[in-house]
Amino acid sequence: MKILVSAGPTREFFDSVRFISNPSSGRMGYAIAAAARRRGHEVTLVTGPVNIKPPAGVKVVPVVTAVEMSVACKRAFRTADAAVMTAAVCDYRPSVRYRTKTPKAHRPKRILLEPTEDIAQALGETKGGRLLIGFAMEDARDPKRLAERKLQKKHCDLIVLNDTGNVAATDATIEIFEPSQGWTGPFSGTKTQIATRLVKLIEQRRRQ
């Protein structure tokens, strides 16, 4: 299979050097890319800024902003059989980006934020027979219900419920929802072990 994996955070700038972002390490996405490559798949890894060595044999497309990640993912998805969207894309970006570093002022500064594109949803709207795997990180009440809503909205084939405690950690605990199977899990282990489980599941769904 040809598999697209998105990983890591994005950075959304409000001047030439300052930005908003999140603490995603990219480890889950990199582990999935490595596991897929070990199992003989052709992998494109679209990655935000992280401090991880890319897996051997994987095509790496580095990006910074949500716009750049969207462009790269849509391009790679044209020829992909499956996409695994683990990236922690910022939900918002400053509506204005100043060309130079804004001077510090000893008073509050207001920054207007606007929503970024939902990349997984954009892929889902054109996926046809391709597989789309989404990730949902929830810490509100009834996280499973929220994850199921995201699966429907994004047209995903399955969605992985990711706990906030997994951020930047080497181990993880996840649960998986598929419309035909319901919820399975929780599954705990290293991110390498979790990644291998997910790649095998993608292979099963692709054969079906």
N, C-alpha and C. Protein backbone atom coordinates (compact mmCIF):
# COMPACT_ATOMS: atom_id res chain seq x y z
N MET A 1 0.83 -1.20 0.00
CA MET A 1 0.00 0.00 0.00
C MET A 1 0.87 1.26 0.00
N LYS A 2 0.28 2.31 -0.49
CA LYS A 2 0.87 3.64 -0.33
C LYS A 2 0.13 4.33 0.81
N ILE A 3 0.87 4.70 1.85
CA ILE A 3 0.25 5.24 3.06
C ILE A 3 0.78 6.64 3.34
N LEU A 4 -0.14 7.56 3.55
CA LEU A 4 0.19 8.92 3.99
C LEU A 4 0.05 8.97 5.50
N VAL A 5 1.05 9.53 6.17
CA VAL A 5 0.98 9.75 7.62
C VAL A 5 1.28 11.22 7.88
N SER A 6 0.43 11.87 8.65
CA SER A 6 0.74 13.23 9.10
C SER A 6 1.13 13.18 10.57
N ALA A 7 2.07 14.03 10.96
CA ALA A 7 2.61 13.94 12.32
C ALA A 7 3.07 15.30 12.81
N GLY A 8 3.16 15.41 14.13
CA GLY A 8 3.73 16.59 14.75
C GLY A 8 2.78 17.76 14.83
N PRO A 9 3.26 18.88 15.38
CA PRO A 9 2.44 20.08 15.51
C PRO A 9 2.57 20.99 14.29
N THR A 10 1.76 22.01 14.26
CA THR A 10 2.01 23.12 13.33
C THR A 10 2.33 24.36 14.16
N ARG A 11 2.91 25.34 13.50
CA ARG A 11 3.19 26.63 14.13
C ARG A 11 2.46 27.71 13.33
N GLU A 12 1.72 28.54 14.05
CA GLU A 12 0.94 29.58 13.40
C GLU A 12 1.43 30.94 13.89
N PHE A 13 2.07 31.68 13.02
CA PHE A 13 2.81 32.89 13.39
C PHE A 13 1.92 34.13 13.43
N PHE A 14 2.22 35.02 14.40
CA PHE A 14 1.57 36.32 14.39
C PHE A 14 2.53 37.46 14.10
N ASP A 15 3.84 37.16 14.09
CA ASP A 15 4.82 38.09 13.52
C ASP A 15 5.96 37.26 12.94
N SER A 16 7.11 37.86 12.70
CA SER A 16 8.17 37.13 12.00
C SER A 16 8.81 36.02 12.83
N VAL A 17 8.66 36.05 14.15
CA VAL A 17 9.32 35.04 15.00
C VAL A 17 8.39 34.39 16.02
N ARG A 18 7.30 35.02 16.36
CA ARG A 18 6.43 34.49 17.41
C ARG A 18 5.28 33.70 16.81
N PHE A 19 4.89 32.64 17.52
CA PHE A 19 3.83 31.78 17.00
C PHE A 19 3.08 31.11 18.13
N ILE A 20 1.91 30.53 17.80
CA ILE A 20 1.20 29.65 18.72
C ILE A 20 1.37 28.22 18.20
N SER A 21 1.42 27.27 19.12
CA SER A 21 1.62 25.87 18.73
C SER A 21 1.09 24.98 19.83
N ASN A 22 1.57 23.76 19.91
CA ASN A 22 1.15 22.80 20.93
C ASN A 22 2.32 21.84 21.19
N PRO A 23 2.25 21.06 22.27
CA PRO A 23 3.41 20.24 22.65
C PRO A 23 3.52 18.88 21.97
N SER A 24 2.83 18.66 20.86
CA SER A 24 2.94 17.38 20.17
C SER A 24 4.39 17.07 19.82
N SER A 25 4.82 15.84 20.11
CA SER A 25 6.20 15.43 19.82
C SER A 25 6.33 14.78 18.45
N GLY A 26 5.21 14.33 17.88
CA GLY A 26 5.26 13.62 16.61
C GLY A 26 5.58 12.14 16.73
N ARG A 27 5.78 11.65 17.95
CA ARG A 27 6.24 10.27 18.13
C ARG A 27 5.26 9.23 17.61
N MET A 28 3.97 9.46 17.79
CA MET A 28 3.00 8.48 17.32
C MET A 28 3.03 8.39 15.80
N GLY A 29 3.00 9.53 15.13
CA GLY A 29 3.03 9.52 13.68
C GLY A 29 4.30 8.90 13.13
N TYR A 30 5.43 9.23 13.73
CA TYR A 30 6.71 8.67 13.29
C TYR A 30 6.74 7.16 13.52
N ALA A 31 6.16 6.71 14.64
CA ALA A 31 6.11 5.27 14.92
C ALA A 31 5.24 4.56 13.90
N ILE A 32 4.12 5.17 13.51
CA ILE A 32 3.25 4.56 12.51
C ILE A 32 3.95 4.50 11.15
N ALA A 33 4.63 5.59 10.78
CA ALA A 33 5.37 5.60 9.52
C ALA A 33 6.44 4.52 9.51
N ALA A 34 7.16 4.36 10.61
CA ALA A 34 8.21 3.35 10.70
C ALA A 34 7.62 1.94 10.64
N ALA A 35 6.50 1.72 11.35
CA ALA A 35 5.88 0.40 11.36
C ALA A 35 5.36 0.04 9.97
N ALA A 36 4.77 1.00 9.28
CA ALA A 36 4.26 0.74 7.93
C ALA A 36 5.40 0.42 6.97
N ARG A 37 6.51 1.12 7.11
CA ARG A 37 7.65 0.85 6.24
C ARG A 37 8.25 -0.53 6.52
N ARG A 38 8.33 -0.91 7.80
CA ARG A 38 8.86 -2.22 8.16
C ARG A 38 8.01 -3.33 7.55
N ARG A 39 6.73 -3.08 7.37
CA ARG A 39 5.82 -4.09 6.83
C ARG A 39 5.70 -3.99 5.32
N GLY A 40 6.60 -3.22 4.72
CA GLY A 40 6.73 -3.23 3.27
C GLY A 40 5.91 -2.21 2.52
N HIS A 41 5.31 -1.25 3.21
CA HIS A 41 4.48 -0.26 2.55
C HIS A 41 5.31 0.96 2.12
N GLU A 42 4.80 1.66 1.14
CA GLU A 42 5.43 2.90 0.67
C GLU A 42 4.81 4.05 1.46
N VAL A 43 5.64 4.78 2.17
CA VAL A 43 5.13 5.74 3.15
C VAL A 43 5.59 7.16 2.83
N THR A 44 4.64 8.10 2.88
CA THR A 44 4.95 9.52 2.84
C THR A 44 4.59 10.11 4.19
N LEU A 45 5.56 10.72 4.85
CA LEU A 45 5.37 11.30 6.17
C LEU A 45 5.40 12.83 6.05
N VAL A 46 4.24 13.45 6.25
CA VAL A 46 4.15 14.91 6.26
C VAL A 46 4.25 15.35 7.71
N THR A 47 5.30 16.07 8.05
CA THR A 47 5.60 16.33 9.45
C THR A 47 5.82 17.79 9.77
N GLY A 48 5.22 18.21 10.87
CA GLY A 48 5.51 19.51 11.42
C GLY A 48 6.84 19.49 12.14
N PRO A 49 7.24 20.62 12.76
CA PRO A 49 8.56 20.71 13.40
C PRO A 49 8.67 19.80 14.64
N VAL A 50 9.55 18.80 14.57
CA VAL A 50 9.79 17.89 15.69
C VAL A 50 11.28 17.61 15.81
N ASN A 51 11.67 17.01 16.93
CA ASN A 51 13.07 16.65 17.16
C ASN A 51 13.24 15.13 17.14
N ILE A 52 12.83 14.52 16.05
CA ILE A 52 12.93 13.08 15.89
C ILE A 52 13.60 12.79 14.56
N LYS A 53 14.46 11.78 14.56
CA LYS A 53 15.08 11.35 13.31
C LYS A 53 14.05 10.62 12.47
N PRO A 54 13.89 10.98 11.20
CA PRO A 54 12.89 10.32 10.35
C PRO A 54 13.20 8.84 10.17
N PRO A 55 12.18 8.00 10.04
CA PRO A 55 12.40 6.57 9.80
C PRO A 55 13.08 6.34 8.46
N ALA A 56 13.94 5.34 8.40
CA ALA A 56 14.64 5.02 7.16
C ALA A 56 13.65 4.52 6.12
N GLY A 57 13.88 4.93 4.88
CA GLY A 57 13.07 4.44 3.77
C GLY A 57 11.74 5.13 3.59
N VAL A 58 11.48 6.18 4.38
CA VAL A 58 10.21 6.90 4.32
C VAL A 58 10.43 8.24 3.62
N LYS A 59 9.51 8.61 2.73
CA LYS A 59 9.58 9.93 2.11
C LYS A 59 9.08 10.95 3.12
N VAL A 60 9.92 11.91 3.46
CA VAL A 60 9.58 12.90 4.48
C VAL A 60 9.33 14.26 3.82
N VAL A 61 8.18 14.85 4.15
CA VAL A 61 7.83 16.17 3.63
C VAL A 61 7.70 17.11 4.84
N PRO A 62 8.71 17.93 5.13
CA PRO A 62 8.63 18.83 6.28
C PRO A 62 7.77 20.06 5.99
N VAL A 63 6.94 20.41 6.95
CA VAL A 63 6.10 21.60 6.85
C VAL A 63 6.13 22.33 8.19
N VAL A 64 5.58 23.54 8.21
CA VAL A 64 5.54 24.32 9.44
C VAL A 64 4.11 24.69 9.81
N THR A 65 3.40 25.32 8.89
CA THR A 65 2.06 25.83 9.18
C THR A 65 0.97 24.85 8.76
N ALA A 66 -0.25 25.13 9.21
CA ALA A 66 -1.39 24.31 8.82
C ALA A 66 -1.65 24.39 7.32
N VAL A 67 -1.45 25.57 6.74
CA VAL A 67 -1.63 25.71 5.29
C VAL A 67 -0.64 24.83 4.54
N GLU A 68 0.61 24.84 4.97
CA GLU A 68 1.62 24.01 4.32
C GLU A 68 1.30 22.53 4.48
N MET A 69 0.83 22.14 5.66
CA MET A 69 0.48 20.74 5.89
C MET A 69 -0.70 20.33 5.02
N SER A 70 -1.66 21.20 4.86
CA SER A 70 -2.81 20.90 4.02
C SER A 70 -2.39 20.66 2.58
N VAL A 71 -1.57 21.53 2.05
CA VAL A 71 -1.11 21.39 0.66
C VAL A 71 -0.36 20.08 0.48
N ALA A 72 0.55 19.77 1.41
CA ALA A 72 1.37 18.56 1.29
C ALA A 72 0.52 17.30 1.43
N CYS A 73 -0.44 17.29 2.36
CA CYS A 73 -1.27 16.11 2.56
C CYS A 73 -2.19 15.86 1.36
N LYS A 74 -2.77 16.92 0.83
CA LYS A 74 -3.65 16.76 -0.32
C LYS A 74 -2.86 16.24 -1.53
N ARG A 75 -1.64 16.71 -1.69
CA ARG A 75 -0.82 16.24 -2.80
C ARG A 75 -0.49 14.75 -2.64
N ALA A 76 -0.07 14.35 -1.44
CA ALA A 76 0.30 12.95 -1.21
C ALA A 76 -0.91 12.03 -1.26
N PHE A 77 -2.08 12.54 -0.88
CA PHE A 77 -3.29 11.70 -0.81
C PHE A 77 -3.80 11.33 -2.20
N ARG A 78 -3.39 12.08 -3.22
CA ARG A 78 -3.86 11.79 -4.58
C ARG A 78 -3.52 10.37 -5.01
N THR A 79 -2.37 9.88 -4.58
CA THR A 79 -1.92 8.55 -5.00
C THR A 79 -1.88 7.55 -3.85
N ALA A 80 -2.41 7.93 -2.69
CA ALA A 80 -2.35 7.05 -1.51
C ALA A 80 -3.50 6.06 -1.50
N ASP A 81 -3.28 4.95 -0.81
CA ASP A 81 -4.34 3.98 -0.55
C ASP A 81 -4.98 4.20 0.82
N ALA A 82 -4.20 4.82 1.71
CA ALA A 82 -4.69 5.07 3.07
C ALA A 82 -3.97 6.28 3.64
N ALA A 83 -4.63 6.96 4.57
CA ALA A 83 -4.03 8.09 5.27
C ALA A 83 -4.29 7.95 6.76
N VAL A 84 -3.25 8.21 7.54
CA VAL A 84 -3.35 8.17 9.00
C VAL A 84 -3.01 9.56 9.51
N MET A 85 -4.01 10.25 10.04
CA MET A 85 -3.86 11.66 10.37
C MET A 85 -3.61 11.85 11.86
N THR A 86 -2.34 11.76 12.26
CA THR A 86 -2.00 11.90 13.67
C THR A 86 -1.57 13.32 14.03
N ALA A 87 -1.34 14.17 13.04
CA ALA A 87 -0.78 15.50 13.31
C ALA A 87 -1.69 16.32 14.22
N ALA A 88 -1.06 17.09 15.10
CA ALA A 88 -1.78 18.00 15.98
C ALA A 88 -1.81 19.38 15.33
N VAL A 89 -2.63 19.51 14.31
CA VAL A 89 -2.74 20.78 13.59
C VAL A 89 -3.42 21.81 14.49
N CYS A 90 -2.84 23.00 14.58
CA CYS A 90 -3.47 24.04 15.39
C CYS A 90 -4.87 24.33 14.87
N ASP A 91 -5.82 24.42 15.76
CA ASP A 91 -7.20 24.70 15.36
C ASP A 91 -7.39 26.15 14.94
N TYR A 92 -6.50 27.01 15.43
CA TYR A 92 -6.62 28.44 15.12
C TYR A 92 -5.26 29.01 14.72
N ARG A 93 -5.30 30.11 13.97
CA ARG A 93 -4.10 30.84 13.62
C ARG A 93 -4.41 32.34 13.73
N PRO A 94 -3.40 33.16 13.99
CA PRO A 94 -3.63 34.60 14.01
C PRO A 94 -4.15 35.07 12.66
N SER A 95 -5.14 35.95 12.68
CA SER A 95 -5.74 36.42 11.43
C SER A 95 -4.80 37.35 10.67
N VAL A 96 -3.82 37.92 11.38
CA VAL A 96 -2.82 38.79 10.75
C VAL A 96 -1.43 38.33 11.16
N ARG A 97 -0.53 38.23 10.18
CA ARG A 97 0.87 37.93 10.47
C ARG A 97 1.71 39.13 10.05
N TYR A 98 2.38 39.74 11.03
CA TYR A 98 3.20 40.91 10.74
C TYR A 98 4.55 40.47 10.16
N ARG A 99 5.06 41.24 9.24
CA ARG A 99 6.30 40.88 8.56
C ARG A 99 7.52 40.96 9.47
N THR A 100 7.47 41.82 10.47
CA THR A 100 8.60 42.00 11.37
C THR A 100 8.18 41.71 12.80
N LYS A 101 9.16 41.57 13.66
CA LYS A 101 8.90 41.30 15.07
C LYS A 101 8.24 42.53 15.70
N THR A 102 7.08 42.31 16.28
CA THR A 102 6.37 43.43 16.89
C THR A 102 7.03 43.80 18.22
N PRO A 103 7.21 45.10 18.49
CA PRO A 103 7.89 45.50 19.73
C PRO A 103 7.06 45.17 20.96
N LYS A 104 7.75 44.91 22.05
CA LYS A 104 7.06 44.62 23.31
C LYS A 104 6.48 45.91 23.87
N ALA A 105 5.27 45.82 24.33
CA ALA A 105 4.61 46.95 24.98
C ALA A 105 4.14 46.49 26.36
N HIS A 106 4.20 47.39 27.34
CA HIS A 106 3.85 47.02 28.71
C HIS A 106 2.34 47.20 28.92
N ARG A 107 1.58 46.53 28.08
CA ARG A 107 0.13 46.53 28.18
C ARG A 107 -0.38 45.29 27.44
N PRO A 108 -1.58 44.86 27.74
CA PRO A 108 -2.10 43.67 27.05
C PRO A 108 -2.18 43.88 25.54
N LYS A 109 -2.00 42.78 24.82
CA LYS A 109 -2.08 42.82 23.36
C LYS A 109 -3.13 41.82 22.90
N ARG A 110 -4.03 42.25 22.07
CA ARG A 110 -5.09 41.39 21.57
C ARG A 110 -4.66 40.79 20.22
N ILE A 111 -4.84 39.48 20.09
CA ILE A 111 -4.55 38.80 18.83
C ILE A 111 -5.81 38.08 18.39
N LEU A 112 -6.32 38.46 17.25
CA LEU A 112 -7.53 37.83 16.73
C LEU A 112 -7.16 36.52 16.05
N LEU A 113 -7.85 35.44 16.42
CA LEU A 113 -7.58 34.13 15.85
C LEU A 113 -8.71 33.73 14.90
N GLU A 114 -8.35 33.01 13.86
CA GLU A 114 -9.33 32.47 12.93
C GLU A 114 -9.10 30.96 12.80
N PRO A 115 -10.13 30.20 12.49
CA PRO A 115 -9.97 28.74 12.42
C PRO A 115 -9.13 28.32 11.22
N THR A 116 -8.34 27.27 11.42
CA THR A 116 -7.60 26.67 10.32
C THR A 116 -8.47 25.61 9.64
N GLU A 117 -8.03 25.16 8.49
CA GLU A 117 -8.76 24.13 7.77
C GLU A 117 -8.67 22.79 8.51
N ASP A 118 -9.75 22.04 8.50
CA ASP A 118 -9.73 20.67 9.01
C ASP A 118 -9.22 19.77 7.88
N ILE A 119 -7.95 19.41 7.95
CA ILE A 119 -7.31 18.69 6.84
C ILE A 119 -7.90 17.30 6.67
N ALA A 120 -8.11 16.60 7.78
CA ALA A 120 -8.68 15.25 7.68
C ALA A 120 -10.06 15.30 7.04
N GLN A 121 -10.87 16.28 7.41
CA GLN A 121 -12.20 16.40 6.82
C GLN A 121 -12.11 16.69 5.32
N ALA A 122 -11.15 17.53 4.94
CA ALA A 122 -10.97 17.84 3.51
C ALA A 122 -10.60 16.58 2.73
N LEU A 123 -9.75 15.74 3.30
CA LEU A 123 -9.40 14.48 2.63
C LEU A 123 -10.60 13.55 2.59
N GLY A 124 -11.36 13.50 3.69
CA GLY A 124 -12.51 12.62 3.76
C GLY A 124 -13.57 12.92 2.71
N GLU A 125 -13.68 14.18 2.35
CA GLU A 125 -14.70 14.57 1.37
C GLU A 125 -14.38 14.09 -0.04
N THR A 126 -13.12 13.67 -0.27
CA THR A 126 -12.72 13.22 -1.61
C THR A 126 -12.11 11.82 -1.60
N LYS A 127 -12.26 11.07 -0.50
CA LYS A 127 -11.49 9.85 -0.33
C LYS A 127 -11.96 8.68 -1.20
N GLY A 128 -13.21 8.64 -1.59
CA GLY A 128 -13.67 7.51 -2.39
C GLY A 128 -13.45 6.20 -1.65
N GLY A 129 -12.73 5.26 -2.27
CA GLY A 129 -12.50 3.96 -1.67
C GLY A 129 -11.25 3.88 -0.82
N ARG A 130 -10.57 4.99 -0.64
CA ARG A 130 -9.36 4.99 0.17
C ARG A 130 -9.71 4.98 1.66
N LEU A 131 -8.78 4.48 2.48
CA LEU A 131 -8.99 4.43 3.92
C LEU A 131 -8.51 5.73 4.57
N LEU A 132 -9.28 6.21 5.53
CA LEU A 132 -8.90 7.41 6.27
C LEU A 132 -9.03 7.13 7.76
N ILE A 133 -7.91 7.26 8.46
CA ILE A 133 -7.86 7.00 9.90
C ILE A 133 -7.61 8.31 10.60
N GLY A 134 -8.54 8.68 11.48
CA GLY A 134 -8.41 9.92 12.22
C GLY A 134 -7.99 9.68 13.66
N PHE A 135 -7.48 10.74 14.28
CA PHE A 135 -7.13 10.71 15.70
C PHE A 135 -7.94 11.80 16.41
N ALA A 136 -8.47 11.47 17.57
CA ALA A 136 -9.22 12.44 18.36
C ALA A 136 -8.62 12.49 19.75
N MET A 137 -8.18 13.67 20.16
CA MET A 137 -7.66 13.85 21.53
C MET A 137 -8.72 14.62 22.31
N GLU A 138 -9.30 13.96 23.30
CA GLU A 138 -10.39 14.55 24.06
C GLU A 138 -10.14 14.40 25.55
N ASP A 139 -10.44 15.46 26.30
CA ASP A 139 -10.38 15.34 27.76
C ASP A 139 -11.64 15.93 28.39
N ALA A 140 -12.67 16.17 27.56
CA ALA A 140 -13.95 16.66 28.07
C ALA A 140 -14.82 15.47 28.49
N ARG A 141 -16.02 15.77 28.94
CA ARG A 141 -16.95 14.70 29.31
C ARG A 141 -17.38 13.93 28.06
N ASP A 142 -17.57 12.65 28.20
CA ASP A 142 -18.04 11.77 27.13
C ASP A 142 -17.13 11.85 25.90
N PRO A 143 -15.84 11.55 26.06
CA PRO A 143 -14.91 11.65 24.93
C PRO A 143 -15.24 10.71 23.78
N LYS A 144 -15.85 9.55 24.08
CA LYS A 144 -16.19 8.61 23.01
C LYS A 144 -17.25 9.20 22.08
N ARG A 145 -18.22 9.86 22.66
CA ARG A 145 -19.26 10.48 21.83
C ARG A 145 -18.65 11.56 20.93
N LEU A 146 -17.74 12.35 21.48
CA LEU A 146 -17.09 13.39 20.69
C LEU A 146 -16.26 12.78 19.56
N ALA A 147 -15.57 11.68 19.87
CA ALA A 147 -14.77 11.01 18.84
C ALA A 147 -15.65 10.45 17.73
N GLU A 148 -16.79 9.87 18.09
CA GLU A 148 -17.70 9.33 17.08
C GLU A 148 -18.24 10.44 16.18
N ARG A 149 -18.51 11.60 16.75
CA ARG A 149 -18.96 12.74 15.95
C ARG A 149 -17.88 13.16 14.95
N LYS A 150 -16.63 13.14 15.42
CA LYS A 150 -15.53 13.51 14.53
C LYS A 150 -15.41 12.51 13.39
N LEU A 151 -15.55 11.23 13.68
CA LEU A 151 -15.49 10.22 12.62
C LEU A 151 -16.53 10.50 11.54
N GLN A 152 -17.74 10.81 11.96
CA GLN A 152 -18.81 11.07 10.99
C GLN A 152 -18.53 12.36 10.21
N LYS A 153 -18.13 13.40 10.90
CA LYS A 153 -17.90 14.69 10.25
C LYS A 153 -16.76 14.63 9.24
N LYS A 154 -15.71 13.85 9.57
CA LYS A 154 -14.53 13.79 8.72
C LYS A 154 -14.58 12.66 7.70
N HIS A 155 -15.64 11.83 7.77
CA HIS A 155 -15.80 10.68 6.86
C HIS A 155 -14.66 9.68 7.03
N CYS A 156 -14.25 9.47 8.27
CA CYS A 156 -13.17 8.51 8.56
C CYS A 156 -13.72 7.08 8.57
N ASP A 157 -12.83 6.13 8.30
CA ASP A 157 -13.20 4.72 8.38
C ASP A 157 -13.05 4.20 9.80
N LEU A 158 -12.12 4.74 10.52
CA LEU A 158 -12.01 4.46 11.95
C LEU A 158 -11.34 5.66 12.60
N ILE A 159 -11.54 5.77 13.91
CA ILE A 159 -10.92 6.89 14.63
C ILE A 159 -10.30 6.37 15.92
N VAL A 160 -9.15 6.93 16.24
CA VAL A 160 -8.39 6.54 17.42
C VAL A 160 -8.59 7.60 18.50
N LEU A 161 -9.09 7.18 19.64
CA LEU A 161 -9.27 8.09 20.77
C LEU A 161 -7.97 8.12 21.56
N ASN A 162 -7.38 9.30 21.60
CA ASN A 162 -6.04 9.51 22.13
C ASN A 162 -6.15 10.33 23.41
N ASP A 163 -5.62 9.86 24.51
CA ASP A 163 -5.69 10.58 25.78
C ASP A 163 -4.65 11.69 25.80
N THR A 164 -4.97 12.79 26.50
CA THR A 164 -4.01 13.90 26.59
C THR A 164 -2.73 13.49 27.30
N GLY A 165 -2.79 12.46 28.11
CA GLY A 165 -1.58 11.97 28.78
C GLY A 165 -0.58 11.33 27.83
N ASN A 166 -1.01 11.07 26.60
CA ASN A 166 -0.10 10.48 25.61
C ASN A 166 0.83 11.50 24.97
N VAL A 167 0.53 12.79 25.14
CA VAL A 167 1.30 13.84 24.47
C VAL A 167 2.75 13.81 24.94
N ALA A 168 3.68 13.72 23.98
CA ALA A 168 5.12 13.76 24.23
C ALA A 168 5.63 12.56 25.03
N ALA A 169 4.77 11.56 25.28
CA ALA A 169 5.18 10.38 26.03
C ALA A 169 5.69 9.30 25.08
N THR A 170 6.44 8.34 25.63
CA THR A 170 6.90 7.22 24.82
C THR A 170 5.89 6.08 24.79
N ASP A 171 5.02 6.01 25.81
CA ASP A 171 3.96 5.01 25.87
C ASP A 171 2.62 5.69 25.61
N ALA A 172 1.61 4.88 25.33
CA ALA A 172 0.30 5.44 25.04
C ALA A 172 -0.79 4.44 25.39
N THR A 173 -1.98 4.98 25.61
CA THR A 173 -3.19 4.18 25.75
C THR A 173 -4.22 4.76 24.80
N ILE A 174 -4.79 3.89 23.96
CA ILE A 174 -5.77 4.35 22.97
C ILE A 174 -6.99 3.44 22.99
N GLU A 175 -8.07 3.92 22.40
CA GLU A 175 -9.23 3.10 22.07
C GLU A 175 -9.58 3.38 20.62
N ILE A 176 -10.18 2.42 19.94
CA ILE A 176 -10.45 2.53 18.52
C ILE A 176 -11.94 2.34 18.27
N PHE A 177 -12.50 3.21 17.42
CA PHE A 177 -13.90 3.08 17.05
C PHE A 177 -14.03 2.87 15.55
N GLU A 178 -14.76 1.83 15.17
CA GLU A 178 -15.15 1.58 13.78
C GLU A 178 -16.66 1.42 13.75
N PRO A 179 -17.34 2.03 12.79
CA PRO A 179 -18.80 1.93 12.75
C PRO A 179 -19.31 0.49 12.76
N SER A 180 -18.61 -0.43 12.09
CA SER A 180 -19.09 -1.80 12.01
C SER A 180 -18.70 -2.65 13.22
N GLN A 181 -17.73 -2.18 13.99
CA GLN A 181 -17.21 -2.96 15.11
C GLN A 181 -17.53 -2.36 16.47
N GLY A 182 -17.81 -1.08 16.49
CA GLY A 182 -17.96 -0.39 17.77
C GLY A 182 -16.60 -0.07 18.37
N TRP A 183 -16.58 0.09 19.68
CA TRP A 183 -15.34 0.43 20.38
C TRP A 183 -14.55 -0.81 20.76
N THR A 184 -13.25 -0.75 20.56
CA THR A 184 -12.34 -1.80 21.03
C THR A 184 -11.22 -1.14 21.82
N GLY A 185 -10.66 -1.91 22.74
CA GLY A 185 -9.62 -1.37 23.61
C GLY A 185 -10.15 -1.24 25.03
N PRO A 186 -9.40 -0.57 25.90
CA PRO A 186 -8.19 0.20 25.60
C PRO A 186 -6.98 -0.69 25.32
N PHE A 187 -6.09 -0.15 24.49
CA PHE A 187 -4.82 -0.79 24.17
C PHE A 187 -3.70 0.09 24.71
N SER A 188 -2.80 -0.53 25.48
CA SER A 188 -1.68 0.21 26.06
C SER A 188 -0.37 -0.41 25.64
N GLY A 189 0.66 0.40 25.55
CA GLY A 189 2.00 -0.09 25.21
C GLY A 189 2.86 1.05 24.75
N THR A 190 4.02 0.71 24.24
CA THR A 190 4.85 1.74 23.65
C THR A 190 4.18 2.24 22.37
N LYS A 191 4.57 3.41 21.93
CA LYS A 191 3.98 3.93 20.70
C LYS A 191 4.37 3.06 19.50
N THR A 192 5.51 2.40 19.57
CA THR A 192 5.89 1.45 18.52
C THR A 192 4.93 0.27 18.49
N GLN A 193 4.56 -0.25 19.66
CA GLN A 193 3.61 -1.35 19.72
C GLN A 193 2.23 -0.93 19.25
N ILE A 194 1.79 0.25 19.67
CA ILE A 194 0.49 0.76 19.24
C ILE A 194 0.49 0.97 17.73
N ALA A 195 1.58 1.50 17.20
CA ALA A 195 1.68 1.76 15.77
C ALA A 195 1.57 0.48 14.96
N THR A 196 2.25 -0.57 15.41
CA THR A 196 2.20 -1.86 14.70
C THR A 196 0.79 -2.40 14.69
N ARG A 197 0.08 -2.30 15.81
CA ARG A 197 -1.32 -2.75 15.89
C ARG A 197 -2.17 -1.99 14.87
N LEU A 198 -1.98 -0.67 14.78
CA LEU A 198 -2.79 0.13 13.87
C LEU A 198 -2.50 -0.20 12.41
N VAL A 199 -1.22 -0.40 12.07
CA VAL A 199 -0.88 -0.73 10.69
C VAL A 199 -1.49 -2.08 10.30
N LYS A 200 -1.44 -3.06 11.19
CA LYS A 200 -2.05 -4.35 10.91
C LYS A 200 -3.56 -4.21 10.72
N LEU A 201 -4.18 -3.35 11.50
CA LEU A 201 -5.61 -3.12 11.35
C LEU A 201 -5.94 -2.48 10.00
N ILE A 202 -5.10 -1.54 9.58
CA ILE A 202 -5.28 -0.91 8.27
C ILE A 202 -5.16 -1.97 7.17
N GLU A 203 -4.19 -2.86 7.29
CA GLU A 203 -4.02 -3.93 6.30
C GLU A 203 -5.27 -4.81 6.23
N GLN A 204 -5.83 -5.15 7.37
CA GLN A 204 -7.05 -5.97 7.42
C GLN A 204 -8.20 -5.27 6.71
N ARG A 205 -8.37 -3.99 7.03
CA ARG A 205 -9.48 -3.24 6.43
C ARG A 205 -9.27 -3.07 4.93
N ARG A 206 -8.04 -2.93 4.49
CA ARG A 206 -7.77 -2.78 3.08
C ARG A 206 -8.10 -4.07 2.32
N ARG A 207 -7.79 -5.21 2.94
CA ARG A 207 -8.11 -6.50 2.28
C ARG A 207 -9.62 -6.69 2.17
N GLN A 208 -10.35 -6.18 3.16
CA GLN A 208 -11.81 -6.33 3.15
C GLN A 208 -12.46 -5.45 2.10
